[in-house]
Amino acid sequence: MAPKIKVLAFGAALRCGAYGAESHHSLAGKAIDYMIVVTGGLGSITGSILAGVGITVVLEWLRFVENPITIGDWSMDGIPGMRMVVFSLVLILVILFRREGIMGMREITWDGVARFMKRGKA
């Protein structure tokens, strides 16, 4: 199996675990799978994991944009759908400035972690 297909399948499985299998059958669910793989790097499973966690955290953090905001006597209604607009702008910036994704073709390995830990000592 080609590495890109393996990474896409892993990203889809990660998303299913994070959001639930029932919502995976929608078009938006498949779009998020592709966003995870492209943002993480087309040849990196590690990048897909990091992107999956990051995208999930950012999507949940941006929920405040859709909720009403009240500061003292002043209040502003929430804007439905604004979370996805902000998130889309963030993804466009990632694609413009980091075309290869977070990890590109690199992976985090146990040997790399050991070398990183040894670098601080000596």
N, C-alpha and C. Protein backbone atom coordinates (compact mmCIF):
# COMPACT_ATOMS: atom_id res chain seq x y z
N MET A 1 0.84 -1.18 0.00
CA MET A 1 0.00 0.00 0.00
C MET A 1 0.89 1.24 0.00
N ALA A 2 0.51 2.24 -0.77
CA ALA A 2 1.29 3.47 -0.87
C ALA A 2 1.29 4.22 0.45
N PRO A 3 2.41 4.89 0.78
CA PRO A 3 2.48 5.62 2.06
C PRO A 3 1.39 6.67 2.21
N LYS A 4 1.02 7.36 1.12
CA LYS A 4 -0.01 8.40 1.21
C LYS A 4 -1.35 7.79 1.61
N ILE A 5 -1.65 6.61 1.08
CA ILE A 5 -2.92 5.96 1.42
C ILE A 5 -2.90 5.50 2.87
N LYS A 6 -1.74 4.99 3.33
CA LYS A 6 -1.62 4.59 4.73
C LYS A 6 -1.83 5.77 5.66
N VAL A 7 -1.23 6.90 5.32
CA VAL A 7 -1.36 8.09 6.15
C VAL A 7 -2.80 8.58 6.14
N LEU A 8 -3.45 8.58 4.97
CA LEU A 8 -4.84 9.00 4.88
C LEU A 8 -5.74 8.08 5.71
N ALA A 9 -5.50 6.78 5.63
CA ALA A 9 -6.29 5.83 6.41
C ALA A 9 -6.06 6.04 7.91
N PHE A 10 -4.82 6.30 8.30
CA PHE A 10 -4.54 6.53 9.71
C PHE A 10 -5.20 7.82 10.19
N GLY A 11 -5.16 8.87 9.35
CA GLY A 11 -5.82 10.13 9.71
C GLY A 11 -7.32 9.95 9.85
N ALA A 12 -7.90 9.15 8.96
CA ALA A 12 -9.34 8.89 9.04
C ALA A 12 -9.68 8.12 10.32
N ALA A 13 -8.85 7.14 10.66
CA ALA A 13 -9.09 6.37 11.88
C ALA A 13 -8.93 7.25 13.13
N LEU A 14 -7.94 8.12 13.11
CA LEU A 14 -7.74 9.04 14.24
C LEU A 14 -8.94 9.96 14.40
N ARG A 15 -9.45 10.47 13.28
CA ARG A 15 -10.61 11.34 13.33
C ARG A 15 -11.85 10.61 13.80
N CYS A 16 -12.01 9.37 13.37
CA CYS A 16 -13.16 8.58 13.82
C CYS A 16 -13.11 8.41 15.33
N GLY A 17 -11.94 8.14 15.86
CA GLY A 17 -11.82 7.98 17.30
C GLY A 17 -12.09 9.26 18.05
N ALA A 18 -11.69 10.38 17.46
CA ALA A 18 -11.86 11.67 18.14
C ALA A 18 -13.29 12.19 18.09
N TYR A 19 -13.95 12.04 16.96
CA TYR A 19 -15.27 12.64 16.78
C TYR A 19 -16.43 11.65 16.83
N GLY A 20 -16.14 10.38 16.73
CA GLY A 20 -17.20 9.38 16.75
C GLY A 20 -17.48 8.86 15.35
N ALA A 21 -17.77 7.60 15.27
CA ALA A 21 -17.92 6.95 13.97
C ALA A 21 -19.17 7.42 13.22
N GLU A 22 -20.20 7.86 13.90
CA GLU A 22 -21.43 8.23 13.22
C GLU A 22 -21.26 9.48 12.36
N SER A 23 -20.51 10.45 12.81
CA SER A 23 -20.35 11.69 12.04
C SER A 23 -19.36 11.53 10.90
N HIS A 24 -18.66 10.41 10.83
CA HIS A 24 -17.63 10.22 9.81
C HIS A 24 -18.22 10.07 8.42
N HIS A 25 -19.48 9.74 8.30
CA HIS A 25 -20.07 9.49 6.99
C HIS A 25 -20.50 10.77 6.28
N SER A 26 -20.29 11.92 6.87
CA SER A 26 -20.69 13.17 6.24
C SER A 26 -19.55 13.71 5.38
N LEU A 27 -19.88 14.63 4.50
CA LEU A 27 -18.89 15.26 3.64
C LEU A 27 -17.92 16.10 4.47
N ALA A 28 -18.42 16.76 5.50
CA ALA A 28 -17.56 17.57 6.36
C ALA A 28 -16.54 16.68 7.08
N GLY A 29 -16.96 15.47 7.46
CA GLY A 29 -16.04 14.55 8.12
C GLY A 29 -14.90 14.15 7.22
N LYS A 30 -15.18 13.89 5.95
CA LYS A 30 -14.14 13.53 5.00
C LYS A 30 -13.22 14.73 4.74
N ALA A 31 -13.77 15.93 4.72
CA ALA A 31 -12.96 17.12 4.51
C ALA A 31 -11.98 17.31 5.66
N ILE A 32 -12.42 17.03 6.88
CA ILE A 32 -11.52 17.15 8.03
C ILE A 32 -10.41 16.11 7.94
N ASP A 33 -10.73 14.90 7.44
CA ASP A 33 -9.69 13.88 7.25
C ASP A 33 -8.59 14.39 6.33
N TYR A 34 -8.98 14.97 5.21
CA TYR A 34 -8.00 15.50 4.27
C TYR A 34 -7.22 16.66 4.87
N MET A 35 -7.88 17.51 5.66
CA MET A 35 -7.19 18.62 6.31
C MET A 35 -6.12 18.09 7.27
N ILE A 36 -6.46 17.03 8.00
CA ILE A 36 -5.50 16.46 8.94
C ILE A 36 -4.29 15.94 8.19
N VAL A 37 -4.49 15.20 7.11
CA VAL A 37 -3.38 14.62 6.37
C VAL A 37 -2.54 15.70 5.70
N VAL A 38 -3.16 16.67 5.07
CA VAL A 38 -2.41 17.73 4.38
C VAL A 38 -1.66 18.59 5.38
N THR A 39 -2.29 18.94 6.48
CA THR A 39 -1.63 19.76 7.49
C THR A 39 -0.49 19.01 8.16
N GLY A 40 -0.66 17.72 8.39
CA GLY A 40 0.38 16.93 9.04
C GLY A 40 1.55 16.62 8.12
N GLY A 41 1.29 16.48 6.83
CA GLY A 41 2.34 16.11 5.88
C GLY A 41 1.91 14.83 5.19
N LEU A 42 1.96 14.81 3.87
CA LEU A 42 1.43 13.69 3.10
C LEU A 42 2.21 12.40 3.31
N GLY A 43 3.43 12.47 3.78
CA GLY A 43 4.21 11.25 3.95
C GLY A 43 4.55 10.92 5.38
N SER A 44 3.82 11.47 6.33
CA SER A 44 4.19 11.32 7.73
C SER A 44 3.00 10.92 8.60
N ILE A 45 3.11 9.77 9.23
CA ILE A 45 2.07 9.35 10.18
C ILE A 45 2.18 10.19 11.46
N THR A 46 3.40 10.50 11.86
CA THR A 46 3.60 11.35 13.03
C THR A 46 2.96 12.72 12.80
N GLY A 47 3.14 13.26 11.62
CA GLY A 47 2.52 14.55 11.30
C GLY A 47 1.01 14.48 11.33
N SER A 48 0.44 13.35 10.87
CA SER A 48 -1.01 13.20 10.91
C SER A 48 -1.52 13.15 12.34
N ILE A 49 -0.77 12.50 13.23
CA ILE A 49 -1.16 12.45 14.64
C ILE A 49 -1.13 13.85 15.24
N LEU A 50 -0.02 14.56 15.02
CA LEU A 50 0.10 15.92 15.56
C LEU A 50 -0.97 16.84 14.99
N ALA A 51 -1.23 16.73 13.68
CA ALA A 51 -2.25 17.57 13.05
C ALA A 51 -3.64 17.21 13.57
N GLY A 52 -3.91 15.92 13.77
CA GLY A 52 -5.21 15.51 14.30
C GLY A 52 -5.48 16.09 15.67
N VAL A 53 -4.47 16.02 16.52
CA VAL A 53 -4.61 16.60 17.86
C VAL A 53 -4.76 18.11 17.77
N GLY A 54 -3.91 18.75 16.96
CA GLY A 54 -3.96 20.20 16.83
C GLY A 54 -5.26 20.70 16.24
N ILE A 55 -5.75 20.06 15.19
CA ILE A 55 -7.00 20.48 14.56
C ILE A 55 -8.17 20.30 15.52
N THR A 56 -8.18 19.20 16.25
CA THR A 56 -9.25 18.97 17.22
C THR A 56 -9.25 20.05 18.30
N VAL A 57 -8.07 20.38 18.81
CA VAL A 57 -7.96 21.40 19.86
C VAL A 57 -8.38 22.77 19.32
N VAL A 58 -7.92 23.12 18.11
CA VAL A 58 -8.25 24.43 17.54
C VAL A 58 -9.75 24.54 17.24
N LEU A 59 -10.35 23.47 16.69
CA LEU A 59 -11.79 23.50 16.41
C LEU A 59 -12.60 23.70 17.70
N GLU A 60 -12.21 23.02 18.76
CA GLU A 60 -12.93 23.17 20.02
C GLU A 60 -12.66 24.53 20.66
N TRP A 61 -11.44 25.04 20.54
CA TRP A 61 -11.11 26.33 21.12
C TRP A 61 -11.86 27.45 20.40
N LEU A 62 -12.10 27.29 19.10
CA LEU A 62 -12.78 28.33 18.33
C LEU A 62 -14.29 28.34 18.54
N ARG A 63 -14.83 27.47 19.38
CA ARG A 63 -16.26 27.48 19.64
C ARG A 63 -16.72 28.78 20.30
N PHE A 64 -15.81 29.48 20.99
CA PHE A 64 -16.21 30.73 21.64
C PHE A 64 -16.66 31.77 20.63
N VAL A 65 -16.21 31.67 19.38
CA VAL A 65 -16.58 32.63 18.35
C VAL A 65 -18.08 32.55 18.05
N GLU A 66 -18.66 31.36 18.19
CA GLU A 66 -20.08 31.17 17.87
C GLU A 66 -21.00 31.45 19.06
N ASN A 67 -20.45 31.60 20.24
CA ASN A 67 -21.26 31.84 21.43
C ASN A 67 -21.47 33.34 21.64
N PRO A 68 -22.60 33.72 22.25
CA PRO A 68 -22.81 35.15 22.57
C PRO A 68 -21.76 35.64 23.57
N ILE A 69 -21.34 36.88 23.41
CA ILE A 69 -20.34 37.48 24.29
C ILE A 69 -21.00 38.62 25.06
N THR A 70 -20.86 38.61 26.38
CA THR A 70 -21.41 39.68 27.22
C THR A 70 -20.29 40.24 28.09
N ILE A 71 -20.07 41.55 27.97
CA ILE A 71 -19.09 42.24 28.80
C ILE A 71 -19.82 43.40 29.46
N GLY A 72 -20.12 43.25 30.74
CA GLY A 72 -20.88 44.27 31.46
C GLY A 72 -22.27 44.40 30.87
N ASP A 73 -22.63 45.62 30.44
CA ASP A 73 -23.94 45.85 29.83
C ASP A 73 -23.93 45.58 28.32
N TRP A 74 -22.76 45.46 27.75
CA TRP A 74 -22.63 45.27 26.31
C TRP A 74 -22.69 43.79 25.97
N SER A 75 -23.44 43.44 24.94
CA SER A 75 -23.48 42.04 24.51
C SER A 75 -23.50 41.97 22.99
N MET A 76 -22.96 40.88 22.49
CA MET A 76 -22.91 40.65 21.05
C MET A 76 -23.36 39.23 20.78
N ASP A 77 -24.24 39.06 19.81
CA ASP A 77 -24.69 37.72 19.46
C ASP A 77 -23.55 36.93 18.83
N GLY A 78 -23.61 35.62 19.01
CA GLY A 78 -22.64 34.76 18.36
C GLY A 78 -22.91 34.70 16.86
N ILE A 79 -21.90 34.38 16.09
CA ILE A 79 -22.03 34.31 14.64
C ILE A 79 -21.92 32.84 14.24
N PRO A 80 -23.04 32.21 13.89
CA PRO A 80 -22.99 30.79 13.51
C PRO A 80 -22.12 30.59 12.26
N GLY A 81 -21.26 29.60 12.30
CA GLY A 81 -20.40 29.29 11.17
C GLY A 81 -19.09 30.05 11.15
N MET A 82 -18.93 31.03 12.02
CA MET A 82 -17.70 31.84 12.03
C MET A 82 -16.49 31.01 12.43
N ARG A 83 -16.71 29.98 13.22
CA ARG A 83 -15.62 29.10 13.65
C ARG A 83 -14.95 28.47 12.43
N MET A 84 -15.74 28.01 11.48
CA MET A 84 -15.18 27.37 10.29
C MET A 84 -14.50 28.39 9.38
N VAL A 85 -14.99 29.62 9.36
CA VAL A 85 -14.34 30.67 8.56
C VAL A 85 -12.96 30.96 9.13
N VAL A 86 -12.87 31.14 10.45
CA VAL A 86 -11.58 31.40 11.08
C VAL A 86 -10.64 30.22 10.89
N PHE A 87 -11.17 29.01 11.06
CA PHE A 87 -10.36 27.82 10.89
C PHE A 87 -9.86 27.68 9.46
N SER A 88 -10.70 28.02 8.48
CA SER A 88 -10.29 27.97 7.08
C SER A 88 -9.17 28.95 6.79
N LEU A 89 -9.25 30.13 7.38
CA LEU A 89 -8.17 31.11 7.20
C LEU A 89 -6.85 30.60 7.79
N VAL A 90 -6.93 29.96 8.94
CA VAL A 90 -5.72 29.38 9.56
C VAL A 90 -5.13 28.31 8.65
N LEU A 91 -5.98 27.45 8.08
CA LEU A 91 -5.48 26.40 7.18
C LEU A 91 -4.88 26.98 5.91
N ILE A 92 -5.47 28.04 5.38
CA ILE A 92 -4.90 28.68 4.20
C ILE A 92 -3.50 29.21 4.51
N LEU A 93 -3.33 29.81 5.68
CA LEU A 93 -2.01 30.30 6.07
C LEU A 93 -1.00 29.16 6.21
N VAL A 94 -1.44 28.04 6.79
CA VAL A 94 -0.55 26.88 6.92
C VAL A 94 -0.13 26.39 5.54
N ILE A 95 -1.08 26.29 4.63
CA ILE A 95 -0.76 25.80 3.29
C ILE A 95 0.14 26.78 2.54
N LEU A 96 -0.06 28.08 2.73
CA LEU A 96 0.78 29.06 2.05
C LEU A 96 2.21 29.08 2.58
N PHE A 97 2.38 28.98 3.88
CA PHE A 97 3.70 29.16 4.47
C PHE A 97 4.39 27.85 4.87
N ARG A 98 3.68 26.74 4.85
CA ARG A 98 4.28 25.45 5.21
C ARG A 98 3.69 24.38 4.30
N ARG A 99 4.04 24.44 3.02
CA ARG A 99 3.44 23.57 2.00
C ARG A 99 3.61 22.09 2.28
N GLU A 100 4.72 21.70 2.87
CA GLU A 100 4.97 20.28 3.09
C GLU A 100 4.25 19.75 4.33
N GLY A 101 3.55 20.59 5.04
CA GLY A 101 2.85 20.17 6.25
C GLY A 101 3.73 20.36 7.47
N ILE A 102 3.22 19.92 8.61
CA ILE A 102 3.96 20.09 9.86
C ILE A 102 5.26 19.29 9.84
N MET A 103 5.18 18.03 9.43
CA MET A 103 6.34 17.15 9.48
C MET A 103 6.94 16.86 8.10
N GLY A 104 6.23 17.13 7.02
CA GLY A 104 6.74 16.80 5.69
C GLY A 104 6.85 15.29 5.53
N MET A 105 8.03 14.80 5.23
CA MET A 105 8.26 13.36 5.09
C MET A 105 8.97 12.78 6.33
N ARG A 106 9.17 13.59 7.35
CA ARG A 106 9.89 13.13 8.54
C ARG A 106 8.98 12.41 9.51
N GLU A 107 9.58 11.58 10.33
CA GLU A 107 8.87 10.85 11.38
C GLU A 107 9.61 11.03 12.69
N ILE A 108 8.89 10.92 13.79
CA ILE A 108 9.52 10.89 15.11
C ILE A 108 9.76 9.43 15.44
N THR A 109 11.02 9.07 15.67
CA THR A 109 11.37 7.69 16.00
C THR A 109 11.94 7.62 17.40
N TRP A 110 12.00 6.40 17.94
CA TRP A 110 12.57 6.23 19.28
C TRP A 110 14.05 6.59 19.28
N ASP A 111 14.77 6.30 18.18
CA ASP A 111 16.18 6.68 18.11
C ASP A 111 16.34 8.20 18.13
N GLY A 112 15.47 8.89 17.42
CA GLY A 112 15.50 10.35 17.41
C GLY A 112 15.20 10.94 18.78
N VAL A 113 14.25 10.33 19.49
CA VAL A 113 13.93 10.79 20.85
C VAL A 113 15.13 10.58 21.77
N ALA A 114 15.79 9.40 21.64
CA ALA A 114 16.96 9.11 22.48
C ALA A 114 18.09 10.11 22.19
N ARG A 115 18.33 10.41 20.90
CA ARG A 115 19.36 11.40 20.55
C ARG A 115 19.02 12.77 21.12
N PHE A 116 17.75 13.14 21.06
CA PHE A 116 17.31 14.44 21.59
C PHE A 116 17.53 14.51 23.09
N MET A 117 17.23 13.42 23.79
CA MET A 117 17.41 13.40 25.25
C MET A 117 18.88 13.44 25.63
N LYS A 118 19.75 12.79 24.85
CA LYS A 118 21.19 12.79 25.14
C LYS A 118 21.82 14.14 24.85
N ARG A 119 21.26 14.89 23.91
CA ARG A 119 21.82 16.17 23.54
C ARG A 119 21.87 17.15 24.70
N GLY A 120 20.90 17.10 25.60
CA GLY A 120 20.84 18.01 26.74
C GLY A 120 21.86 17.66 27.83
N LYS A 121 22.31 16.39 27.85
CA LYS A 121 23.27 15.95 28.87
C LYS A 121 24.67 16.03 28.29
N ALA A 122 25.66 16.15 29.14
CA ALA A 122 27.08 16.10 28.77
C ALA A 122 27.82 17.26 29.32
